[in-house]
């Protein structure tokens, strides 16, 4: 069951994804950022799933911006 808070969090995550697409372009978004998914928010920390072995590359190139958004 999805709660109101879940809906709000997913709407915020969708806005973050939109900003990342706008800032880094469609090609980079499709290649590196689109596969990211919001796993959970717990104790003020966001956990993002990255279904790729290139997590280090994604974190190095996009991690700061993802954290700031």
N, C-alpha and C. Protein backbone atom coordinates (compact mmCIF):
# COMPACT_ATOMS: atom_id res chain seq x y z
N UNK A 1 0.84 -1.19 0.00
CA UNK A 1 0.00 0.00 0.00
C UNK A 1 0.88 1.24 0.00
N UNK A 2 0.58 2.18 -0.84
CA UNK A 2 1.34 3.42 -0.95
C UNK A 2 0.69 4.47 -0.07
N UNK A 3 1.49 5.09 0.79
CA UNK A 3 0.97 6.13 1.67
C UNK A 3 1.12 7.49 1.00
N UNK A 4 0.52 8.50 1.60
CA UNK A 4 0.65 9.87 1.11
C UNK A 4 2.11 10.27 1.10
N UNK A 5 2.85 9.92 2.16
CA UNK A 5 4.27 10.26 2.23
C UNK A 5 5.04 9.61 1.09
N UNK A 6 4.72 8.36 0.76
CA UNK A 6 5.37 7.69 -0.36
C UNK A 6 5.11 8.43 -1.66
N UNK A 7 3.87 8.87 -1.85
CA UNK A 7 3.52 9.62 -3.05
C UNK A 7 4.33 10.92 -3.14
N UNK A 8 4.47 11.60 -2.02
CA UNK A 8 5.23 12.85 -1.98
C UNK A 8 6.70 12.59 -2.28
N UNK A 9 7.26 11.57 -1.67
CA UNK A 9 8.66 11.24 -1.89
C UNK A 9 8.92 10.86 -3.34
N UNK A 10 8.03 10.09 -3.92
CA UNK A 10 8.22 9.69 -5.32
C UNK A 10 8.05 10.88 -6.25
N UNK A 11 7.16 11.81 -5.91
CA UNK A 11 7.02 13.02 -6.72
C UNK A 11 8.30 13.87 -6.63
N UNK A 12 8.89 13.95 -5.44
CA UNK A 12 10.14 14.68 -5.30
C UNK A 12 11.26 13.99 -6.09
N UNK A 13 11.33 12.67 -6.03
CA UNK A 13 12.34 11.93 -6.78
C UNK A 13 12.15 12.16 -8.28
N UNK A 14 10.90 12.21 -8.76
CA UNK A 14 10.64 12.49 -10.17
C UNK A 14 11.14 13.88 -10.55
N UNK A 15 10.98 14.86 -9.66
CA UNK A 15 11.50 16.22 -9.94
C UNK A 15 13.02 16.21 -9.99
N UNK A 16 13.65 15.49 -9.08
CA UNK A 16 15.12 15.38 -9.09
C UNK A 16 15.57 14.77 -10.41
N UNK A 17 14.92 13.70 -10.83
CA UNK A 17 15.28 13.06 -12.10
C UNK A 17 15.11 14.03 -13.27
N UNK A 18 14.06 14.81 -13.24
CA UNK A 18 13.84 15.80 -14.30
C UNK A 18 14.95 16.85 -14.33
N UNK A 19 15.35 17.31 -13.17
CA UNK A 19 16.46 18.28 -13.09
C UNK A 19 17.75 17.67 -13.61
N UNK A 20 18.03 16.42 -13.24
CA UNK A 20 19.24 15.75 -13.73
C UNK A 20 19.21 15.62 -15.25
N UNK A 21 18.05 15.29 -15.80
CA UNK A 21 17.92 15.19 -17.26
C UNK A 21 18.18 16.54 -17.92
N UNK A 22 17.60 17.59 -17.36
CA UNK A 22 17.79 18.94 -17.91
C UNK A 22 19.25 19.38 -17.82
N UNK A 23 19.90 19.11 -16.71
CA UNK A 23 21.26 19.58 -16.48
C UNK A 23 22.32 18.80 -17.25
N UNK A 24 22.13 17.49 -17.39
CA UNK A 24 23.17 16.65 -17.99
C UNK A 24 22.84 16.19 -19.40
N UNK A 25 21.62 16.42 -19.84
CA UNK A 25 21.23 16.05 -21.20
C UNK A 25 20.64 14.66 -21.28
N UNK A 26 19.90 14.45 -22.36
CA UNK A 26 19.16 13.20 -22.54
C UNK A 26 20.09 11.99 -22.66
N UNK A 27 21.19 12.13 -23.40
CA UNK A 27 22.08 10.98 -23.61
C UNK A 27 22.70 10.51 -22.29
N UNK A 28 23.24 11.45 -21.50
CA UNK A 28 23.84 11.08 -20.21
C UNK A 28 22.77 10.54 -19.27
N UNK A 29 21.60 11.15 -19.30
CA UNK A 29 20.53 10.69 -18.43
C UNK A 29 20.16 9.24 -18.76
N UNK A 30 19.95 8.95 -20.04
CA UNK A 30 19.57 7.60 -20.43
C UNK A 30 20.66 6.58 -20.09
N UNK A 31 21.91 6.97 -20.30
CA UNK A 31 23.01 6.03 -20.09
C UNK A 31 23.31 5.78 -18.63
N UNK A 32 23.29 6.83 -17.81
CA UNK A 32 23.82 6.73 -16.45
C UNK A 32 22.80 6.98 -15.35
N UNK A 33 21.85 7.84 -15.58
CA UNK A 33 20.99 8.29 -14.48
C UNK A 33 19.60 7.68 -14.49
N UNK A 34 19.08 7.36 -15.64
CA UNK A 34 17.74 6.78 -15.71
C UNK A 34 17.63 5.47 -14.93
N UNK A 35 18.67 4.63 -14.93
CA UNK A 35 18.56 3.37 -14.17
C UNK A 35 18.51 3.54 -12.65
N UNK A 36 18.83 4.72 -12.13
CA UNK A 36 18.80 4.93 -10.69
C UNK A 36 17.36 4.89 -10.18
N UNK A 37 17.15 4.29 -9.03
CA UNK A 37 15.81 4.28 -8.45
C UNK A 37 15.89 4.56 -6.95
N UNK A 38 14.86 5.20 -6.47
CA UNK A 38 14.75 5.53 -5.05
C UNK A 38 14.39 4.26 -4.29
N UNK A 39 15.25 3.87 -3.37
CA UNK A 39 15.01 2.66 -2.59
C UNK A 39 14.29 2.97 -1.29
N UNK A 40 14.82 3.94 -0.53
CA UNK A 40 14.20 4.29 0.74
C UNK A 40 14.79 5.58 1.27
N UNK A 41 14.07 6.17 2.19
CA UNK A 41 14.57 7.31 2.96
C UNK A 41 14.38 6.91 4.41
N UNK A 42 15.50 6.90 5.15
CA UNK A 42 15.46 6.46 6.54
C UNK A 42 16.47 7.28 7.33
N UNK A 43 16.02 7.82 8.44
CA UNK A 43 16.89 8.62 9.31
C UNK A 43 17.56 9.76 8.56
N UNK A 44 16.82 10.38 7.64
CA UNK A 44 17.35 11.52 6.90
C UNK A 44 18.32 11.16 5.78
N UNK A 45 18.47 9.88 5.50
CA UNK A 45 19.37 9.45 4.42
C UNK A 45 18.57 8.80 3.31
N UNK A 46 18.97 9.11 2.09
CA UNK A 46 18.32 8.56 0.92
C UNK A 46 19.18 7.41 0.39
N UNK A 47 18.55 6.30 0.10
CA UNK A 47 19.26 5.17 -0.50
C UNK A 47 18.76 5.03 -1.92
N UNK A 48 19.72 5.07 -2.86
CA UNK A 48 19.41 4.98 -4.27
C UNK A 48 20.00 3.69 -4.81
N UNK A 49 19.20 2.95 -5.54
CA UNK A 49 19.67 1.71 -6.15
C UNK A 49 20.25 2.00 -7.52
N UNK A 50 21.38 1.40 -7.80
CA UNK A 50 22.04 1.54 -9.08
C UNK A 50 22.25 0.14 -9.65
N UNK A 51 21.44 -0.24 -10.64
CA UNK A 51 21.56 -1.59 -11.18
C UNK A 51 22.66 -1.71 -12.22
N UNK A 52 23.86 -1.36 -11.81
CA UNK A 52 24.99 -1.40 -12.74
C UNK A 52 26.28 -1.56 -11.98
N UNK A 53 27.26 -2.10 -12.61
CA UNK A 53 28.56 -2.24 -11.97
C UNK A 53 29.37 -0.94 -12.04
N UNK A 54 28.82 0.08 -12.68
CA UNK A 54 29.52 1.33 -12.85
C UNK A 54 29.16 2.36 -11.77
N UNK A 55 28.76 1.89 -10.60
CA UNK A 55 28.36 2.80 -9.53
C UNK A 55 29.45 3.82 -9.22
N UNK A 56 30.70 3.39 -9.15
CA UNK A 56 31.78 4.32 -8.84
C UNK A 56 31.83 5.46 -9.84
N UNK A 57 31.65 5.14 -11.11
CA UNK A 57 31.68 6.17 -12.15
C UNK A 57 30.51 7.13 -11.98
N UNK A 58 29.33 6.59 -11.76
CA UNK A 58 28.14 7.42 -11.55
C UNK A 58 28.33 8.30 -10.32
N UNK A 59 28.81 7.72 -9.23
CA UNK A 59 29.00 8.48 -8.00
C UNK A 59 30.03 9.59 -8.20
N UNK A 60 31.11 9.31 -8.91
CA UNK A 60 32.16 10.30 -9.15
C UNK A 60 31.65 11.46 -10.00
N UNK A 61 30.89 11.16 -11.03
CA UNK A 61 30.48 12.19 -11.98
C UNK A 61 29.16 12.88 -11.61
N UNK A 62 28.28 12.21 -10.91
CA UNK A 62 26.95 12.77 -10.63
C UNK A 62 26.58 12.79 -9.15
N UNK A 63 27.37 12.16 -8.32
CA UNK A 63 27.02 12.02 -6.91
C UNK A 63 26.80 13.33 -6.17
N UNK A 64 27.69 14.29 -6.37
CA UNK A 64 27.53 15.57 -5.67
C UNK A 64 26.23 16.26 -6.06
N UNK A 65 25.91 16.24 -7.34
CA UNK A 65 24.69 16.91 -7.79
C UNK A 65 23.46 16.17 -7.29
N UNK A 66 23.49 14.87 -7.30
CA UNK A 66 22.35 14.11 -6.78
C UNK A 66 22.15 14.42 -5.31
N UNK A 67 23.24 14.45 -4.55
CA UNK A 67 23.13 14.78 -3.12
C UNK A 67 22.58 16.19 -2.92
N UNK A 68 23.00 17.14 -3.73
CA UNK A 68 22.53 18.51 -3.51
C UNK A 68 21.06 18.68 -3.88
N UNK A 69 20.59 17.93 -4.87
CA UNK A 69 19.17 18.00 -5.23
C UNK A 69 18.33 17.28 -4.20
